[in-house]
Amino acid sequence: MSRCGCPEECEQQTPHSPGTVADEEPVVFALVLAPSTNEQSVEIFKNNKLKDKQQSFCRSSHCTFMEMYEIVVKPQLSGQHSLEYKGYNWATAGEIRSIVAARNTMRDKTPHLTPVPVGAFCVIDDGDSVYRAHARVGYANPRPNFLSLHDTNKARGDLLIILQQRGKFPGTASPPFREEPRA
């Protein structure tokens, strides 16, 4: 499988990040959703955020559960929208990167020019001075119009399956999180 289209994965993106995201590294998707959102649906991943490579994930080996909860979850719960914390799912970055983009045969009129197989997603470091464990996930886009030639709904469905395979967790667990310091 080709990893073309994700140069951001190969170089550290911010000076605050612990480095690029390794394949074996666990990444967490916090389920902070509207009460009416079906957490078993691809609607939990915003297509526009994936297109912009801005879907937020947590690099859980670089933080504790409480750090993630305080910095990621709490601000969303205290916002103007009525959101609920429903737990989290996790996978390794390599599992997410192993999802293959399926060609949309209805739109792809030049299949011989479309790279196959290509990883559907990039997992990119994006730590900042307050939260070094932040990462972004987005669609790979190795050439113009690549996204329109591939089935993004299938890719989101595969991402959902990968994340749900270990189940949903309500609180701290090791793995994926770094252990809480003992008092």
C-alpha atoms as a PDB file:
ATOM      1  CA  MET A   1       0.000   0.000   0.000  1.00  0.00           C
ATOM      2  CA  SER A   2       1.193   3.492  -0.803  1.00  0.00           C
ATOM      3  CA  ARG A   3       1.351   6.231   1.813  1.00  0.00           C
ATOM      4  CA  CYS A   4       1.609   8.923  -0.861  1.00  0.00           C
ATOM      5  CA  GLY A   5      -0.269  12.113  -0.167  1.00  0.00           C
ATOM      6  CA  CYS A   6       0.626  12.501   3.483  1.00  0.00           C
ATOM      7  CA  PRO A   7       3.930  14.380   3.678  1.00  0.00           C
ATOM      8  CA  GLU A   8       2.829  15.865   7.029  1.00  0.00           C
ATOM      9  CA  GLU A   9       3.180  12.416   8.608  1.00  0.00           C
ATOM     10  CA  CYS A  10       6.893  12.257   7.789  1.00  0.00           C
ATOM     11  CA  GLU A  11       8.003  15.425   9.598  1.00  0.00           C
ATOM     12  CA  GLN A  12       7.215  16.840  13.014  1.00  0.00           C
ATOM     13  CA  GLN A  13       4.611  19.560  12.484  1.00  0.00           C
ATOM     14  CA  THR A  14       4.973  21.597  15.678  1.00  0.00           C
ATOM     15  CA  PRO A  15       7.814  22.203  18.142  1.00  0.00           C
ATOM     16  CA  HIS A  16       5.444  21.309  21.007  1.00  0.00           C
ATOM     17  CA  SER A  17       4.672  17.825  19.745  1.00  0.00           C
ATOM     18  CA  PRO A  18       6.665  14.802  20.980  1.00  0.00           C
ATOM     19  CA  GLY A  19       7.495  14.001  17.342  1.00  0.00           C
ATOM     20  CA  THR A  20       5.811  12.273  14.431  1.00  0.00           C
ATOM     21  CA  VAL A  21       3.099   9.724  15.218  1.00  0.00           C
ATOM     22  CA  ALA A  22       4.508   6.176  15.104  1.00  0.00           C
ATOM     23  CA  ASP A  23       2.436   3.312  13.687  1.00  0.00           C
ATOM     24  CA  GLU A  24       2.388   1.454  17.029  1.00  0.00           C
ATOM     25  CA  GLU A  25       1.231   4.558  18.918  1.00  0.00           C
ATOM     26  CA  PRO A  26      -2.317   4.494  20.356  1.00  0.00           C
ATOM     27  CA  VAL A  27      -4.617   7.348  19.339  1.00  0.00           C
ATOM     28  CA  VAL A  28      -7.923   8.111  21.038  1.00  0.00           C
ATOM     29  CA  PHE A  29     -11.119   9.554  19.631  1.00  0.00           C
ATOM     30  CA  ALA A  30     -13.155  11.178  22.431  1.00  0.00           C
ATOM     31  CA  LEU A  31     -16.881  10.738  21.935  1.00  0.00           C
ATOM     32  CA  VAL A  32     -18.111  14.238  22.807  1.00  0.00           C
ATOM     33  CA  LEU A  33     -21.371  14.271  20.909  1.00  0.00           C
ATOM     34  CA  ALA A  34     -24.829  15.795  20.789  1.00  0.00           C
ATOM     35  CA  PRO A  35     -27.308  13.605  22.679  1.00  0.00           C
ATOM     36  CA  SER A  36     -29.086  12.724  19.434  1.00  0.00           C
ATOM     37  CA  THR A  37     -25.885  11.618  17.626  1.00  0.00           C
ATOM     38  CA  ASN A  38     -25.666   7.906  16.923  1.00  0.00           C
ATOM     39  CA  GLU A  39     -22.177   6.936  18.079  1.00  0.00           C
ATOM     40  CA  GLN A  40     -22.408   3.843  15.859  1.00  0.00           C
ATOM     41  CA  SER A  41     -22.656   6.039  12.752  1.00  0.00           C
ATOM     42  CA  VAL A  42     -20.023   7.662  10.515  1.00  0.00           C
ATOM     43  CA  GLU A  43     -21.665  10.993  11.396  1.00  0.00           C
ATOM     44  CA  ILE A  44     -19.322  11.163  14.425  1.00  0.00           C
ATOM     45  CA  PHE A  45     -16.525  12.006  11.957  1.00  0.00           C
ATOM     46  CA  LYS A  46     -17.082  15.295  10.185  1.00  0.00           C
ATOM     47  CA  ASN A  47     -16.347  14.890   6.472  1.00  0.00           C
ATOM     48  CA  ASN A  48     -15.155  18.503   6.145  1.00  0.00           C
ATOM     49  CA  LYS A  49     -12.732  18.057   9.067  1.00  0.00           C
ATOM     50  CA  LEU A  50     -11.336  14.897   7.471  1.00  0.00           C
ATOM     51  CA  LYS A  51     -10.938  16.701   4.127  1.00  0.00           C
ATOM     52  CA  ASP A  52      -9.010  19.475   5.891  1.00  0.00           C
ATOM     53  CA  LYS A  53      -6.996  16.918   7.945  1.00  0.00           C
ATOM     54  CA  GLN A  54      -8.378  18.512  11.111  1.00  0.00           C
ATOM     55  CA  GLN A  55     -10.290  15.706  12.881  1.00  0.00           C
ATOM     56  CA  SER A  56      -8.930  15.821  16.446  1.00  0.00           C
ATOM     57  CA  PHE A  57      -7.453  12.765  18.117  1.00  0.00           C
ATOM     58  CA  CYS A  58      -5.368  12.298  21.269  1.00  0.00           C
ATOM     59  CA  ARG A  59      -1.918  10.714  21.364  1.00  0.00           C
ATOM     60  CA  SER A  60      -2.732   8.885  24.563  1.00  0.00           C
ATOM     61  CA  SER A  61       0.731   7.543  25.315  1.00  0.00           C
ATOM     62  CA  HIS A  62       1.770  11.183  25.847  1.00  0.00           C
ATOM     63  CA  CYS A  63      -0.912  12.107  28.388  1.00  0.00           C
ATOM     64  CA  THR A  64      -3.087  10.709  31.137  1.00  0.00           C
ATOM     65  CA  PHE A  65      -6.829  10.228  30.849  1.00  0.00           C
ATOM     66  CA  MET A  66      -7.405  13.163  33.225  1.00  0.00           C
ATOM     67  CA  GLU A  67      -5.226  15.464  31.101  1.00  0.00           C
ATOM     68  CA  MET A  68      -7.219  14.502  28.012  1.00  0.00           C
ATOM     69  CA  TYR A  69     -10.495  14.955  29.878  1.00  0.00           C
ATOM     70  CA  GLU A  70      -9.543  18.384  31.303  1.00  0.00           C
ATOM     71  CA  ILE A  71      -8.077  19.807  28.072  1.00  0.00           C
ATOM     72  CA  VAL A  72     -10.216  18.150  25.390  1.00  0.00           C
ATOM     73  CA  VAL A  73     -13.546  17.044  26.855  1.00  0.00           C
ATOM     74  CA  LYS A  74     -14.390  19.634  29.547  1.00  0.00           C
ATOM     75  CA  PRO A  75     -14.119  22.703  27.291  1.00  0.00           C
ATOM     76  CA  GLN A  76     -16.525  21.099  24.806  1.00  0.00           C
ATOM     77  CA  LEU A  77     -19.005  20.229  27.557  1.00  0.00           C
ATOM     78  CA  SER A  78     -18.985  23.784  28.923  1.00  0.00           C
ATOM     79  CA  GLY A  79     -19.538  25.317  25.484  1.00  0.00           C
ATOM     80  CA  GLN A  80     -22.830  26.671  24.181  1.00  0.00           C
ATOM     81  CA  HIS A  81     -23.798  23.436  22.456  1.00  0.00           C
ATOM     82  CA  SER A  82     -25.455  20.666  24.420  1.00  0.00           C
ATOM     83  CA  LEU A  83     -22.858  17.915  24.188  1.00  0.00           C
ATOM     84  CA  GLU A  84     -22.280  14.792  26.249  1.00  0.00           C
ATOM     85  CA  TYR A  85     -19.151  12.793  26.956  1.00  0.00           C
ATOM     86  CA  LYS A  86     -19.949   9.206  25.953  1.00  0.00           C
ATOM     87  CA  GLY A  87     -16.475   7.682  26.405  1.00  0.00           C
ATOM     88  CA  TYR A  88     -13.726   7.065  23.894  1.00  0.00           C
ATOM     89  CA  ASN A  89     -12.537   4.585  21.280  1.00  0.00           C
ATOM     90  CA  TRP A  90      -8.931   3.942  20.372  1.00  0.00           C
ATOM     91  CA  ALA A  91      -6.744   2.293  17.774  1.00  0.00           C
ATOM     92  CA  THR A  92      -3.102   2.449  16.825  1.00  0.00           C
ATOM     93  CA  ALA A  93      -2.016   4.965  14.211  1.00  0.00           C
ATOM     94  CA  GLY A  94      -0.887   2.030  12.057  1.00  0.00           C
ATOM     95  CA  GLU A  95      -4.367   0.498  12.151  1.00  0.00           C
ATOM     96  CA  ILE A  96      -5.856   3.789  10.960  1.00  0.00           C
ATOM     97  CA  ARG A  97      -3.181   4.174   8.293  1.00  0.00           C
ATOM     98  CA  SER A  98      -3.856   0.626   7.065  1.00  0.00           C
ATOM     99  CA  ILE A  99      -7.385   1.549   5.921  1.00  0.00           C
ATOM    100  CA  VAL A 100      -7.330   1.438   2.129  1.00  0.00           C
ATOM    101  CA  ALA A 101      -9.169   4.051   0.050  1.00  0.00           C
ATOM    102  CA  ALA A 102     -11.820   2.371  -2.108  1.00  0.00           C
ATOM    103  CA  ARG A 103     -12.169   3.800  -5.597  1.00  0.00           C
ATOM    104  CA  ASN A 104     -15.532   5.308  -6.499  1.00  0.00           C
ATOM    105  CA  THR A 105     -16.069   3.560  -9.841  1.00  0.00           C
ATOM    106  CA  MET A 106     -18.971   5.881 -10.732  1.00  0.00           C
ATOM    107  CA  ARG A 107     -16.757   8.986 -10.659  1.00  0.00           C
ATOM    108  CA  ASP A 108     -13.324   7.640 -11.590  1.00  0.00           C
ATOM    109  CA  LYS A 109     -13.193   7.835 -15.388  1.00  0.00           C
ATOM    110  CA  THR A 110      -9.425   7.267 -15.543  1.00  0.00           C
ATOM    111  CA  PRO A 111      -8.776   4.390 -13.131  1.00  0.00           C
ATOM    112  CA  HIS A 112      -5.361   3.732 -14.666  1.00  0.00           C
ATOM    113  CA  LEU A 113      -4.239   7.158 -13.358  1.00  0.00           C
ATOM    114  CA  THR A 114      -5.603   6.643  -9.854  1.00  0.00           C
ATOM    115  CA  PRO A 115      -3.065   5.201  -7.387  1.00  0.00           C
ATOM    116  CA  VAL A 116      -4.213   1.879  -5.921  1.00  0.00           C
ATOM    117  CA  PRO A 117      -4.033   0.817  -3.170  1.00  0.00           C
ATOM    118  CA  VAL A 118      -3.607   4.013  -1.186  1.00  0.00           C
ATOM    119  CA  GLY A 119      -4.061   4.535   2.527  1.00  0.00           C
ATOM    120  CA  ALA A 120      -7.257   6.479   3.130  1.00  0.00           C
ATOM    121  CA  PHE A 121      -6.044   8.415   6.181  1.00  0.00           C
ATOM    122  CA  CYS A 122      -3.106  10.363   7.560  1.00  0.00           C
ATOM    123  CA  VAL A 123      -2.330  10.600  11.293  1.00  0.00           C
ATOM    124  CA  ILE A 124      -0.407  13.813  11.933  1.00  0.00           C
ATOM    125  CA  ASP A 125       1.214  15.237  15.084  1.00  0.00           C
ATOM    126  CA  ASP A 126      -0.267  18.585  16.144  1.00  0.00           C
ATOM    127  CA  GLY A 127       0.766  19.274  19.730  1.00  0.00           C
ATOM    128  CA  ASP A 128       0.635  22.786  21.129  1.00  0.00           C
ATOM    129  CA  SER A 129       2.093  24.451  24.222  1.00  0.00           C
ATOM    130  CA  VAL A 130      -0.928  23.510  26.332  1.00  0.00           C
ATOM    131  CA  TYR A 131      -1.622  20.035  24.946  1.00  0.00           C
ATOM    132  CA  ARG A 132       1.332  18.264  23.382  1.00  0.00           C
ATOM    133  CA  ALA A 133      -0.687  15.048  22.879  1.00  0.00           C
ATOM    134  CA  HIS A 134      -2.927  16.476  20.140  1.00  0.00           C
ATOM    135  CA  ALA A 135      -2.997  14.788  16.724  1.00  0.00           C
ATOM    136  CA  ARG A 136      -5.016  15.308  13.562  1.00  0.00           C
ATOM    137  CA  VAL A 137      -6.514  12.706  11.261  1.00  0.00           C
ATOM    138  CA  GLY A 138      -7.582  13.396   7.701  1.00  0.00           C
ATOM    139  CA  TYR A 139      -7.995  11.907   4.267  1.00  0.00           C
ATOM    140  CA  ALA A 140      -4.880  11.222   2.244  1.00  0.00           C
ATOM    141  CA  ASN A 141      -4.887  13.339  -0.895  1.00  0.00           C
ATOM    142  CA  PRO A 142      -1.960  12.359  -3.133  1.00  0.00           C
ATOM    143  CA  ARG A 143      -3.185  14.179  -6.242  1.00  0.00           C
ATOM    144  CA  PRO A 144      -5.870  16.687  -7.297  1.00  0.00           C
ATOM    145  CA  ASN A 145      -9.412  15.282  -7.219  1.00  0.00           C
ATOM    146  CA  PHE A 146      -8.259  12.174  -5.334  1.00  0.00           C
ATOM    147  CA  LEU A 147     -10.991  12.576  -2.707  1.00  0.00           C
ATOM    148  CA  SER A 148     -13.735  12.844  -5.309  1.00  0.00           C
ATOM    149  CA  LEU A 149     -12.506   9.605  -6.915  1.00  0.00           C
ATOM    150  CA  HIS A 150     -12.666   7.595  -3.692  1.00  0.00           C
ATOM    151  CA  ASP A 151     -15.520   6.498  -1.481  1.00  0.00           C
ATOM    152  CA  THR A 152     -15.171   8.661   1.624  1.00  0.00           C
ATOM    153  CA  ASN A 153     -18.256   7.147   3.297  1.00  0.00           C
ATOM    154  CA  LYS A 154     -16.660   3.701   3.093  1.00  0.00           C
ATOM    155  CA  ALA A 155     -13.419   5.121   4.506  1.00  0.00           C
ATOM    156  CA  ARG A 156     -15.299   6.697   7.437  1.00  0.00           C
ATOM    157  CA  GLY A 157     -17.107   3.400   8.009  1.00  0.00           C
ATOM    158  CA  ASP A 158     -13.799   1.529   8.054  1.00  0.00           C
ATOM    159  CA  LEU A 159     -12.403   4.119  10.503  1.00  0.00           C
ATOM    160  CA  LEU A 160     -15.415   3.578  12.761  1.00  0.00           C
ATOM    161  CA  ILE A 161     -14.921  -0.206  12.663  1.00  0.00           C
ATOM    162  CA  ILE A 162     -11.198   0.093  13.470  1.00  0.00           C
ATOM    163  CA  LEU A 163     -11.898   2.390  16.418  1.00  0.00           C
ATOM    164  CA  GLN A 164     -14.743   0.282  17.803  1.00  0.00           C
ATOM    165  CA  GLN A 165     -12.950  -3.071  17.658  1.00  0.00           C
ATOM    166  CA  ARG A 166     -11.599  -2.712  21.227  1.00  0.00           C
ATOM    167  CA  GLY A 167     -14.887  -1.359  22.559  1.00  0.00           C
ATOM    168  CA  LYS A 168     -15.823   1.905  24.204  1.00  0.00           C
ATOM    169  CA  PHE A 169     -14.106   3.062  27.389  1.00  0.00           C
ATOM    170  CA  PRO A 170     -15.582   5.550  29.873  1.00  0.00           C
ATOM    171  CA  GLY A 171     -12.409   6.392  31.832  1.00  0.00           C
ATOM    172  CA  THR A 172      -8.753   5.738  32.358  1.00  0.00           C
ATOM    173  CA  ALA A 173      -7.184   2.568  30.989  1.00  0.00           C
ATOM    174  CA  SER A 174      -3.611   1.545  30.319  1.00  0.00           C
ATOM    175  CA  PRO A 175      -3.203   1.133  27.439  1.00  0.00           C
ATOM    176  CA  PRO A 176      -4.001   3.445  25.779  1.00  0.00           C
ATOM    177  CA  PHE A 177      -3.259   6.200  28.319  1.00  0.00           C
ATOM    178  CA  ARG A 178      -0.117   6.877  30.277  1.00  0.00           C
ATOM    179  CA  GLU A 179      -0.713   5.861  33.876  1.00  0.00           C
ATOM    180  CA  GLU A 180      -1.861   8.505  36.344  1.00  0.00           C
ATOM    181  CA  PRO A 181       0.921   9.613  38.730  1.00  0.00           C
ATOM    182  CA  ARG A 182       0.581   8.175  42.200  1.00  0.00           C
ATOM    183  CA  ALA A 183       0.052  10.640  45.031  1.00  0.00           C
END
